[in-house]
């Protein structure tokens, strides 16, 4: 197993919010979706990985190296794609490239120019004249032009139309044909991760609810629907959350096999989406 990113017992305290004991890891050759509601700690975790914030506890290793002691070496091999463009809006793509390229020792003009052609990005167009989708493609072209081994993406598809989102996901899938790379994809648009993610890490209120292979998560979780008459205290213990109305109930369980054993044929059991799993966790009482 070759870990490209490893976070252990990460902690950061703010007034009114604590990132507490965050632990997960990503192997080379895989895409990890990092999900959670707004304010859950996704962007804070990314800032800590990038050493833009100082952690209060825990460790972060990237490429097997301490993220602080080897910061320059690590950042030379990381590509960043954020939800907003942080490039100078008055410069053209070509001018911006000339500023960015010298920061990376492995920058390849040929690769960058190929991506400009593939993405339909005119080099003499100003950044401010690009659509949001084109700005995302430009950010991705930059990230892929210096032999980046790890892509860190913070809400890259937010605000994009479905066609552009689909294009970006296809680009990511093509990029992952090189099994030496890894992608850490933070988003609240879980349908994007349904298509491309291999692993899912779910953070809620500053804590990790689970971090596992996407297929394992979808195999173990289930939506349970049935009559309120079959609900009792033992059954409720196996439900992450439950919604009731006069027609019956719907609940989410993380132990599908046990619930099926308890309910027998009295309920319907369905496969949930990542969005449904996230919604049940975020809506449950905080003392659960």
C-alpha atoms as a PDB file:
ATOM      1  CA  UNK A   1       0.000   0.000   0.000  1.00  0.00           C
ATOM      2  CA  UNK A   2       1.432   3.381  -1.054  1.00  0.00           C
ATOM      3  CA  UNK A   3      -0.226   6.269   0.794  1.00  0.00           C
ATOM      4  CA  UNK A   4      -0.223   9.581  -1.008  1.00  0.00           C
ATOM      5  CA  UNK A   5      -2.023  11.399   1.838  1.00  0.00           C
ATOM      6  CA  UNK A   6      -2.314  10.435   5.500  1.00  0.00           C
ATOM      7  CA  UNK A   7      -4.072  12.479   8.181  1.00  0.00           C
ATOM      8  CA  UNK A   8      -3.946  11.254  11.796  1.00  0.00           C
ATOM      9  CA  UNK A   9      -5.809  12.605  14.823  1.00  0.00           C
ATOM     10  CA  UNK A  10      -5.928  16.107  13.354  1.00  0.00           C
ATOM     11  CA  UNK A  11      -7.253  18.806  15.664  1.00  0.00           C
ATOM     12  CA  UNK A  12      -7.890  22.527  15.276  1.00  0.00           C
ATOM     13  CA  UNK A  13      -9.859  24.696  17.698  1.00  0.00           C
ATOM     14  CA  UNK A  14     -11.707  27.893  16.853  1.00  0.00           C
ATOM     15  CA  UNK A  15     -14.202  29.904  18.810  1.00  0.00           C
ATOM     16  CA  UNK A  16     -17.427  27.913  18.464  1.00  0.00           C
ATOM     17  CA  UNK A  17     -15.985  25.129  16.306  1.00  0.00           C
ATOM     18  CA  UNK A  18     -13.493  22.289  16.757  1.00  0.00           C
ATOM     19  CA  UNK A  19     -11.968  19.996  14.187  1.00  0.00           C
ATOM     20  CA  UNK A  20     -11.563  16.929  16.357  1.00  0.00           C
ATOM     21  CA  UNK A  21      -9.543  13.735  15.824  1.00  0.00           C
ATOM     22  CA  UNK A  22      -9.807  13.775  12.022  1.00  0.00           C
ATOM     23  CA  UNK A  23      -8.191  10.648  10.581  1.00  0.00           C
ATOM     24  CA  UNK A  24      -8.190   9.250   7.035  1.00  0.00           C
ATOM     25  CA  UNK A  25      -5.759   8.152   4.311  1.00  0.00           C
ATOM     26  CA  UNK A  26      -5.655   8.006   0.509  1.00  0.00           C
ATOM     27  CA  UNK A  27      -3.679   5.541  -1.601  1.00  0.00           C
ATOM     28  CA  UNK A  28      -2.133   6.299  -4.971  1.00  0.00           C
ATOM     29  CA  UNK A  29      -4.350   5.552  -7.947  1.00  0.00           C
ATOM     30  CA  UNK A  30      -7.644   6.496  -6.291  1.00  0.00           C
ATOM     31  CA  UNK A  31     -10.126   9.361  -5.982  1.00  0.00           C
ATOM     32  CA  UNK A  32     -11.383  10.201  -2.493  1.00  0.00           C
ATOM     33  CA  UNK A  33     -14.556  12.231  -2.130  1.00  0.00           C
ATOM     34  CA  UNK A  34     -14.556  14.469   0.950  1.00  0.00           C
ATOM     35  CA  UNK A  35     -18.169  15.279   1.808  1.00  0.00           C
ATOM     36  CA  UNK A  36     -20.069  17.111   4.493  1.00  0.00           C
ATOM     37  CA  UNK A  37     -22.479  20.026   4.931  1.00  0.00           C
ATOM     38  CA  UNK A  38     -21.340  23.635   4.864  1.00  0.00           C
ATOM     39  CA  UNK A  39     -19.374  24.436   8.007  1.00  0.00           C
ATOM     40  CA  UNK A  40     -18.516  20.797   8.708  1.00  0.00           C
ATOM     41  CA  UNK A  41     -14.750  21.342   8.441  1.00  0.00           C
ATOM     42  CA  UNK A  42     -13.932  20.457   4.809  1.00  0.00           C
ATOM     43  CA  UNK A  43     -12.152  23.693   3.880  1.00  0.00           C
ATOM     44  CA  UNK A  44     -10.426  23.868   7.277  1.00  0.00           C
ATOM     45  CA  UNK A  45      -9.023  20.370   6.744  1.00  0.00           C
ATOM     46  CA  UNK A  46      -7.711  21.346   3.306  1.00  0.00           C
ATOM     47  CA  UNK A  47      -6.094  24.509   4.687  1.00  0.00           C
ATOM     48  CA  UNK A  48      -4.369  22.403   7.349  1.00  0.00           C
ATOM     49  CA  UNK A  49      -3.114  19.936   4.729  1.00  0.00           C
ATOM     50  CA  UNK A  50      -1.761  22.874   2.708  1.00  0.00           C
ATOM     51  CA  UNK A  51      -0.134  24.376   5.824  1.00  0.00           C
ATOM     52  CA  UNK A  52      -2.241  27.514   5.499  1.00  0.00           C
ATOM     53  CA  UNK A  53      -3.370  26.942   9.084  1.00  0.00           C
ATOM     54  CA  UNK A  54      -1.395  25.526  12.002  1.00  0.00           C
ATOM     55  CA  UNK A  55      -2.899  22.417  13.554  1.00  0.00           C
ATOM     56  CA  UNK A  56      -3.370  22.138  17.327  1.00  0.00           C
ATOM     57  CA  UNK A  57      -2.703  18.412  17.264  1.00  0.00           C
ATOM     58  CA  UNK A  58      -2.219  15.405  15.037  1.00  0.00           C
ATOM     59  CA  UNK A  59      -0.027  14.773  12.001  1.00  0.00           C
ATOM     60  CA  UNK A  60      -0.293  15.182   8.226  1.00  0.00           C
ATOM     61  CA  UNK A  61       1.901  13.306   5.757  1.00  0.00           C
ATOM     62  CA  UNK A  62       1.896  13.863   1.990  1.00  0.00           C
ATOM     63  CA  UNK A  63       3.934  11.481  -0.192  1.00  0.00           C
ATOM     64  CA  UNK A  64       5.158  10.001   3.098  1.00  0.00           C
ATOM     65  CA  UNK A  65       6.669  13.365   4.125  1.00  0.00           C
ATOM     66  CA  UNK A  66       5.758  15.727   6.966  1.00  0.00           C
ATOM     67  CA  UNK A  67       3.678  18.513   5.420  1.00  0.00           C
ATOM     68  CA  UNK A  68       5.524  21.250   7.317  1.00  0.00           C
ATOM     69  CA  UNK A  69       9.133  20.066   7.229  1.00  0.00           C
ATOM     70  CA  UNK A  70       8.924  19.270   3.499  1.00  0.00           C
ATOM     71  CA  UNK A  71       6.398  21.921   2.477  1.00  0.00           C
ATOM     72  CA  UNK A  72       8.216  23.215  -0.635  1.00  0.00           C
ATOM     73  CA  UNK A  73       8.935  19.729  -1.992  1.00  0.00           C
ATOM     74  CA  UNK A  74       5.338  18.634  -1.386  1.00  0.00           C
ATOM     75  CA  UNK A  75       3.721  21.687  -2.978  1.00  0.00           C
ATOM     76  CA  UNK A  76       5.804  21.176  -6.113  1.00  0.00           C
ATOM     77  CA  UNK A  77       3.967  17.880  -6.579  1.00  0.00           C
ATOM     78  CA  UNK A  78       0.442  19.028  -5.682  1.00  0.00           C
ATOM     79  CA  UNK A  79      -2.122  20.555  -8.027  1.00  0.00           C
ATOM     80  CA  UNK A  80      -4.862  22.789  -6.586  1.00  0.00           C
ATOM     81  CA  UNK A  81      -8.303  23.486  -8.006  1.00  0.00           C
ATOM     82  CA  UNK A  82     -10.561  25.707  -5.906  1.00  0.00           C
ATOM     83  CA  UNK A  83     -14.157  26.831  -6.277  1.00  0.00           C
ATOM     84  CA  UNK A  84     -13.113  30.368  -7.180  1.00  0.00           C
ATOM     85  CA  UNK A  85     -10.402  31.752  -9.453  1.00  0.00           C
ATOM     86  CA  UNK A  86      -7.533  33.341  -7.546  1.00  0.00           C
ATOM     87  CA  UNK A  87      -5.682  34.447 -10.678  1.00  0.00           C
ATOM     88  CA  UNK A  88      -5.219  38.082 -11.726  1.00  0.00           C
ATOM     89  CA  UNK A  89      -8.360  38.841 -13.710  1.00  0.00           C
ATOM     90  CA  UNK A  90      -6.730  41.486 -15.915  1.00  0.00           C
ATOM     91  CA  UNK A  91      -4.052  39.138 -17.273  1.00  0.00           C
ATOM     92  CA  UNK A  92      -4.455  36.772 -20.191  1.00  0.00           C
ATOM     93  CA  UNK A  93      -4.060  33.007 -19.873  1.00  0.00           C
ATOM     94  CA  UNK A  94      -0.632  33.227 -21.523  1.00  0.00           C
ATOM     95  CA  UNK A  95       0.515  36.045 -19.213  1.00  0.00           C
ATOM     96  CA  UNK A  96      -0.731  34.199 -16.134  1.00  0.00           C
ATOM     97  CA  UNK A  97       1.083  31.050 -17.231  1.00  0.00           C
ATOM     98  CA  UNK A  98       4.390  32.953 -17.494  1.00  0.00           C
ATOM     99  CA  UNK A  99       3.981  34.058 -13.864  1.00  0.00           C
ATOM    100  CA  UNK A 100       2.963  30.635 -12.533  1.00  0.00           C
ATOM    101  CA  UNK A 101       5.352  28.339 -14.408  1.00  0.00           C
ATOM    102  CA  UNK A 102       8.624  29.414 -12.683  1.00  0.00           C
ATOM    103  CA  UNK A 103       7.235  28.322  -9.291  1.00  0.00           C
ATOM    104  CA  UNK A 104       7.290  24.661 -10.395  1.00  0.00           C
ATOM    105  CA  UNK A 105      10.542  22.899 -11.200  1.00  0.00           C
ATOM    106  CA  UNK A 106       8.749  20.258 -13.314  1.00  0.00           C
ATOM    107  CA  UNK A 107       6.612  22.626 -15.366  1.00  0.00           C
ATOM    108  CA  UNK A 108       6.042  21.461 -18.972  1.00  0.00           C
ATOM    109  CA  UNK A 109       4.935  24.046 -21.523  1.00  0.00           C
ATOM    110  CA  UNK A 110       4.070  21.336 -24.032  1.00  0.00           C
ATOM    111  CA  UNK A 111       1.667  19.671 -21.619  1.00  0.00           C
ATOM    112  CA  UNK A 112       0.079  23.015 -20.710  1.00  0.00           C
ATOM    113  CA  UNK A 113      -0.423  23.979 -24.358  1.00  0.00           C
ATOM    114  CA  UNK A 114      -1.963  20.581 -25.085  1.00  0.00           C
ATOM    115  CA  UNK A 115      -4.492  21.073 -22.299  1.00  0.00           C
ATOM    116  CA  UNK A 116      -5.316  24.546 -23.604  1.00  0.00           C
ATOM    117  CA  UNK A 117      -6.139  22.983 -26.973  1.00  0.00           C
ATOM    118  CA  UNK A 118      -8.052  20.065 -25.440  1.00  0.00           C
ATOM    119  CA  UNK A 119     -10.056  22.356 -23.148  1.00  0.00           C
ATOM    120  CA  UNK A 120     -10.711  25.009 -25.806  1.00  0.00           C
ATOM    121  CA  UNK A 121      -8.932  27.745 -23.835  1.00  0.00           C
ATOM    122  CA  UNK A 122      -7.695  30.697 -25.964  1.00  0.00           C
ATOM    123  CA  UNK A 123      -4.281  31.781 -24.556  1.00  0.00           C
ATOM    124  CA  UNK A 124      -4.766  35.473 -25.377  1.00  0.00           C
ATOM    125  CA  UNK A 125      -8.117  35.762 -23.594  1.00  0.00           C
ATOM    126  CA  UNK A 126      -8.174  37.590 -20.255  1.00  0.00           C
ATOM    127  CA  UNK A 127      -9.055  35.617 -17.132  1.00  0.00           C
ATOM    128  CA  UNK A 128     -11.997  37.935 -16.430  1.00  0.00           C
ATOM    129  CA  UNK A 129     -13.470  37.062 -19.830  1.00  0.00           C
ATOM    130  CA  UNK A 130     -13.626  33.355 -19.059  1.00  0.00           C
ATOM    131  CA  UNK A 131     -16.792  31.644 -17.864  1.00  0.00           C
ATOM    132  CA  UNK A 132     -16.651  29.886 -14.514  1.00  0.00           C
ATOM    133  CA  UNK A 133     -16.357  26.556 -16.288  1.00  0.00           C
ATOM    134  CA  UNK A 134     -13.436  27.803 -18.379  1.00  0.00           C
ATOM    135  CA  UNK A 135     -11.732  29.159 -15.257  1.00  0.00           C
ATOM    136  CA  UNK A 136     -12.025  25.711 -13.684  1.00  0.00           C
ATOM    137  CA  UNK A 137     -10.507  24.161 -16.806  1.00  0.00           C
ATOM    138  CA  UNK A 138      -7.657  26.679 -16.686  1.00  0.00           C
ATOM    139  CA  UNK A 139      -7.011  25.807 -13.025  1.00  0.00           C
ATOM    140  CA  UNK A 140      -7.008  22.133 -13.936  1.00  0.00           C
ATOM    141  CA  UNK A 141      -4.628  22.748 -16.872  1.00  0.00           C
ATOM    142  CA  UNK A 142      -2.222  24.482 -14.487  1.00  0.00           C
ATOM    143  CA  UNK A 143      -2.540  21.649 -11.946  1.00  0.00           C
ATOM    144  CA  UNK A 144      -1.786  18.989 -14.560  1.00  0.00           C
ATOM    145  CA  UNK A 145       1.149  20.752 -16.240  1.00  0.00           C
ATOM    146  CA  UNK A 146       3.823  20.319 -13.563  1.00  0.00           C
ATOM    147  CA  UNK A 147       3.634  16.537 -13.037  1.00  0.00           C
ATOM    148  CA  UNK A 148       1.410  16.890  -9.988  1.00  0.00           C
ATOM    149  CA  UNK A 149       0.924  13.569  -8.219  1.00  0.00           C
ATOM    150  CA  UNK A 150      -1.877  14.711  -5.914  1.00  0.00           C
ATOM    151  CA  UNK A 151      -4.804  16.896  -6.969  1.00  0.00           C
ATOM    152  CA  UNK A 152      -6.598  18.700  -4.155  1.00  0.00           C
ATOM    153  CA  UNK A 153      -9.953  20.057  -5.265  1.00  0.00           C
ATOM    154  CA  UNK A 154     -12.192  22.239  -3.114  1.00  0.00           C
ATOM    155  CA  UNK A 155     -15.751  22.456  -4.516  1.00  0.00           C
ATOM    156  CA  UNK A 156     -14.475  22.540  -8.125  1.00  0.00           C
ATOM    157  CA  UNK A 157     -17.876  21.849  -9.702  1.00  0.00           C
ATOM    158  CA  UNK A 158     -19.928  24.212  -7.530  1.00  0.00           C
ATOM    159  CA  UNK A 159     -22.008  26.582  -9.639  1.00  0.00           C
ATOM    160  CA  UNK A 160     -21.235  24.824 -12.929  1.00  0.00           C
ATOM    161  CA  UNK A 161     -23.914  23.593 -15.299  1.00  0.00           C
ATOM    162  CA  UNK A 162     -24.332  19.810 -15.672  1.00  0.00           C
ATOM    163  CA  UNK A 163     -22.568  19.679 -19.056  1.00  0.00           C
ATOM    164  CA  UNK A 164     -19.398  21.402 -17.800  1.00  0.00           C
ATOM    165  CA  UNK A 165     -19.456  19.364 -14.608  1.00  0.00           C
ATOM    166  CA  UNK A 166     -19.627  16.180 -16.672  1.00  0.00           C
ATOM    167  CA  UNK A 167     -16.679  17.361 -18.807  1.00  0.00           C
ATOM    168  CA  UNK A 168     -14.547  18.020 -15.744  1.00  0.00           C
ATOM    169  CA  UNK A 169     -15.378  14.603 -14.288  1.00  0.00           C
ATOM    170  CA  UNK A 170     -14.362  12.954 -17.552  1.00  0.00           C
ATOM    171  CA  UNK A 171     -11.059  14.835 -17.449  1.00  0.00           C
ATOM    172  CA  UNK A 172     -10.444  13.584 -13.925  1.00  0.00           C
ATOM    173  CA  UNK A 173     -11.271  10.029 -14.906  1.00  0.00           C
ATOM    174  CA  UNK A 174      -8.795  10.228 -17.800  1.00  0.00           C
ATOM    175  CA  UNK A 175      -6.146  11.672 -15.483  1.00  0.00           C
ATOM    176  CA  UNK A 176      -6.518   8.729 -13.126  1.00  0.00           C
ATOM    177  CA  UNK A 177      -5.444   6.308 -15.852  1.00  0.00           C
ATOM    178  CA  UNK A 178      -2.007   7.031 -14.388  1.00  0.00           C
ATOM    179  CA  UNK A 179      -2.296   4.922 -11.260  1.00  0.00           C
ATOM    180  CA  UNK A 180       0.486   6.870  -9.513  1.00  0.00           C
ATOM    181  CA  UNK A 181      -1.733   9.900  -8.977  1.00  0.00           C
ATOM    182  CA  UNK A 182      -4.388  10.578  -6.362  1.00  0.00           C
ATOM    183  CA  UNK A 183      -7.312  13.010  -6.132  1.00  0.00           C
ATOM    184  CA  UNK A 184      -8.763  14.505  -2.940  1.00  0.00           C
ATOM    185  CA  UNK A 185     -12.123  15.921  -4.032  1.00  0.00           C
ATOM    186  CA  UNK A 186     -14.005  18.039  -1.496  1.00  0.00           C
ATOM    187  CA  UNK A 187     -17.599  18.749  -2.465  1.00  0.00           C
ATOM    188  CA  UNK A 188     -21.195  18.916  -1.296  1.00  0.00           C
ATOM    189  CA  UNK A 189     -22.413  17.771  -4.749  1.00  0.00           C
ATOM    190  CA  UNK A 190     -22.439  14.083  -3.918  1.00  0.00           C
ATOM    191  CA  UNK A 191     -23.850  13.054  -7.307  1.00  0.00           C
ATOM    192  CA  UNK A 192     -20.458  13.896  -8.839  1.00  0.00           C
ATOM    193  CA  UNK A 193     -18.824  11.433  -6.460  1.00  0.00           C
ATOM    194  CA  UNK A 194     -21.399   8.751  -7.290  1.00  0.00           C
ATOM    195  CA  UNK A 195     -19.810   8.779 -10.763  1.00  0.00           C
ATOM    196  CA  UNK A 196     -16.054   8.865 -10.089  1.00  0.00           C
ATOM    197  CA  UNK A 197     -15.070   8.394  -6.426  1.00  0.00           C
ATOM    198  CA  UNK A 198     -13.393   5.236  -5.134  1.00  0.00           C
ATOM    199  CA  UNK A 199     -13.462   6.239  -1.457  1.00  0.00           C
ATOM    200  CA  UNK A 200     -15.655   8.541   0.609  1.00  0.00           C
ATOM    201  CA  UNK A 201     -14.717  10.412   3.762  1.00  0.00           C
ATOM    202  CA  UNK A 202     -17.659  12.087   5.489  1.00  0.00           C
ATOM    203  CA  UNK A 203     -17.059  14.890   7.985  1.00  0.00           C
ATOM    204  CA  UNK A 204     -19.820  16.359  10.124  1.00  0.00           C
ATOM    205  CA  UNK A 205     -19.488  18.970  12.890  1.00  0.00           C
ATOM    206  CA  UNK A 206     -15.709  18.653  12.770  1.00  0.00           C
ATOM    207  CA  UNK A 207     -15.615  14.871  13.199  1.00  0.00           C
ATOM    208  CA  UNK A 208     -15.255  12.006  10.739  1.00  0.00           C
ATOM    209  CA  UNK A 209     -18.423   9.912  10.570  1.00  0.00           C
ATOM    210  CA  UNK A 210     -16.853   7.323   8.269  1.00  0.00           C
ATOM    211  CA  UNK A 211     -14.054   6.881   5.736  1.00  0.00           C
ATOM    212  CA  UNK A 212     -14.275   3.810   3.516  1.00  0.00           C
ATOM    213  CA  UNK A 213     -14.539   2.474  -0.026  1.00  0.00           C
ATOM    214  CA  UNK A 214     -17.636   3.901  -1.722  1.00  0.00           C
ATOM    215  CA  UNK A 215     -18.920   0.467  -2.727  1.00  0.00           C
ATOM    216  CA  UNK A 216     -18.586  -0.810   0.861  1.00  0.00           C
ATOM    217  CA  UNK A 217     -20.500   2.204   2.164  1.00  0.00           C
ATOM    218  CA  UNK A 218     -23.347   1.691  -0.284  1.00  0.00           C
ATOM    219  CA  UNK A 219     -23.411  -2.049   0.514  1.00  0.00           C
ATOM    220  CA  UNK A 220     -23.646  -1.542   4.292  1.00  0.00           C
ATOM    221  CA  UNK A 221     -26.079   1.388   4.378  1.00  0.00           C
ATOM    222  CA  UNK A 222     -29.732   0.998   3.480  1.00  0.00           C
ATOM    223  CA  UNK A 223     -32.966   2.969   3.426  1.00  0.00           C
ATOM    224  CA  UNK A 224     -35.673   1.137   5.345  1.00  0.00           C
ATOM    225  CA  UNK A 225     -39.358   1.889   4.723  1.00  0.00           C
ATOM    226  CA  UNK A 226     -42.423   0.434   6.367  1.00  0.00           C
ATOM    227  CA  UNK A 227     -45.344   0.759   8.743  1.00  0.00           C
ATOM    228  CA  UNK A 228     -44.851   2.622  12.040  1.00  0.00           C
ATOM    229  CA  UNK A 229     -46.297  -0.440  13.770  1.00  0.00           C
ATOM    230  CA  UNK A 230     -43.040  -2.369  13.299  1.00  0.00           C
ATOM    231  CA  UNK A 231     -40.882   0.311  14.949  1.00  0.00           C
ATOM    232  CA  UNK A 232     -39.716  -0.304  18.501  1.00  0.00           C
ATOM    233  CA  UNK A 233     -36.792   0.773  20.677  1.00  0.00           C
ATOM    234  CA  UNK A 234     -34.579  -2.126  19.532  1.00  0.00           C
ATOM    235  CA  UNK A 235     -35.197  -1.316  15.881  1.00  0.00           C
ATOM    236  CA  UNK A 236     -34.540   2.400  16.404  1.00  0.00           C
ATOM    237  CA  UNK A 237     -31.091   1.593  17.830  1.00  0.00           C
ATOM    238  CA  UNK A 238     -30.053   0.366  14.396  1.00  0.00           C
ATOM    239  CA  UNK A 239     -31.220   3.486  12.579  1.00  0.00           C
ATOM    240  CA  UNK A 240     -28.990   6.520  12.062  1.00  0.00           C
ATOM    241  CA  UNK A 241     -32.148   8.561  11.717  1.00  0.00           C
ATOM    242  CA  UNK A 242     -35.839   8.078  11.074  1.00  0.00           C
ATOM    243  CA  UNK A 243     -38.635  10.137   9.528  1.00  0.00           C
ATOM    244  CA  UNK A 244     -42.235   9.332  10.456  1.00  0.00           C
ATOM    245  CA  UNK A 245     -45.604  10.386   9.110  1.00  0.00           C
ATOM    246  CA  UNK A 246     -49.146   9.029   9.257  1.00  0.00           C
ATOM    247  CA  UNK A 247     -48.406   6.646   6.382  1.00  0.00           C
ATOM    248  CA  UNK A 248     -45.320   5.007   7.902  1.00  0.00           C
ATOM    249  CA  UNK A 249     -41.613   5.653   8.356  1.00  0.00           C
ATOM    250  CA  UNK A 250     -38.335   5.859   6.458  1.00  0.00           C
ATOM    251  CA  UNK A 251     -34.992   5.360   8.174  1.00  0.00           C
ATOM    252  CA  UNK A 252     -31.312   4.955   7.384  1.00  0.00           C
ATOM    253  CA  UNK A 253     -29.241   2.122   8.794  1.00  0.00           C
ATOM    254  CA  UNK A 254     -25.507   1.468   8.598  1.00  0.00           C
ATOM    255  CA  UNK A 255     -26.089  -2.240   9.321  1.00  0.00           C
ATOM    256  CA  UNK A 256     -28.303  -3.476   6.507  1.00  0.00           C
ATOM    257  CA  UNK A 257     -27.961  -7.186   7.278  1.00  0.00           C
ATOM    258  CA  UNK A 258     -28.937  -6.846  10.935  1.00  0.00           C
ATOM    259  CA  UNK A 259     -31.938  -4.678  10.142  1.00  0.00           C
ATOM    260  CA  UNK A 260     -33.112  -7.122   7.484  1.00  0.00           C
ATOM    261  CA  UNK A 261     -32.858  -9.897  10.078  1.00  0.00           C
ATOM    262  CA  UNK A 262     -34.881  -7.924  12.631  1.00  0.00           C
ATOM    263  CA  UNK A 263     -37.557  -6.709  10.242  1.00  0.00           C
ATOM    264  CA  UNK A 264     -37.795  -9.857   8.145  1.00  0.00           C
ATOM    265  CA  UNK A 265     -40.402  -9.258   5.403  1.00  0.00           C
ATOM    266  CA  UNK A 266     -42.171  -6.360   7.121  1.00  0.00           C
ATOM    267  CA  UNK A 267     -40.272  -3.538   5.406  1.00  0.00           C
ATOM    268  CA  UNK A 268     -38.828  -2.401   2.101  1.00  0.00           C
ATOM    269  CA  UNK A 269     -35.026  -2.098   1.952  1.00  0.00           C
ATOM    270  CA  UNK A 270     -33.483   0.152  -0.697  1.00  0.00           C
ATOM    271  CA  UNK A 271     -29.992   1.257  -1.661  1.00  0.00           C
ATOM    272  CA  UNK A 272     -29.385   4.885  -0.594  1.00  0.00           C
ATOM    273  CA  UNK A 273     -27.482   7.582  -2.451  1.00  0.00           C
ATOM    274  CA  UNK A 274     -24.534   9.361  -0.872  1.00  0.00           C
ATOM    275  CA  UNK A 275     -26.728  12.454  -0.573  1.00  0.00           C
ATOM    276  CA  UNK A 276     -29.380  10.562   1.394  1.00  0.00           C
ATOM    277  CA  UNK A 277     -26.737   9.144   3.742  1.00  0.00           C
ATOM    278  CA  UNK A 278     -25.309  12.619   4.340  1.00  0.00           C
ATOM    279  CA  UNK A 279     -28.731  14.163   4.929  1.00  0.00           C
ATOM    280  CA  UNK A 280     -29.707  11.586   7.546  1.00  0.00           C
ATOM    281  CA  UNK A 281     -26.474  12.107   9.451  1.00  0.00           C
ATOM    282  CA  UNK A 282     -26.653  15.897   9.374  1.00  0.00           C
ATOM    283  CA  UNK A 283     -30.310  15.986  10.461  1.00  0.00           C
ATOM    284  CA  UNK A 284     -29.998  13.628  13.389  1.00  0.00           C
ATOM    285  CA  UNK A 285     -29.893  15.045  16.968  1.00  0.00           C
ATOM    286  CA  UNK A 286     -26.379  16.098  17.935  1.00  0.00           C
ATOM    287  CA  UNK A 287     -26.365  13.963  21.100  1.00  0.00           C
ATOM    288  CA  UNK A 288     -26.930  10.750  19.072  1.00  0.00           C
END
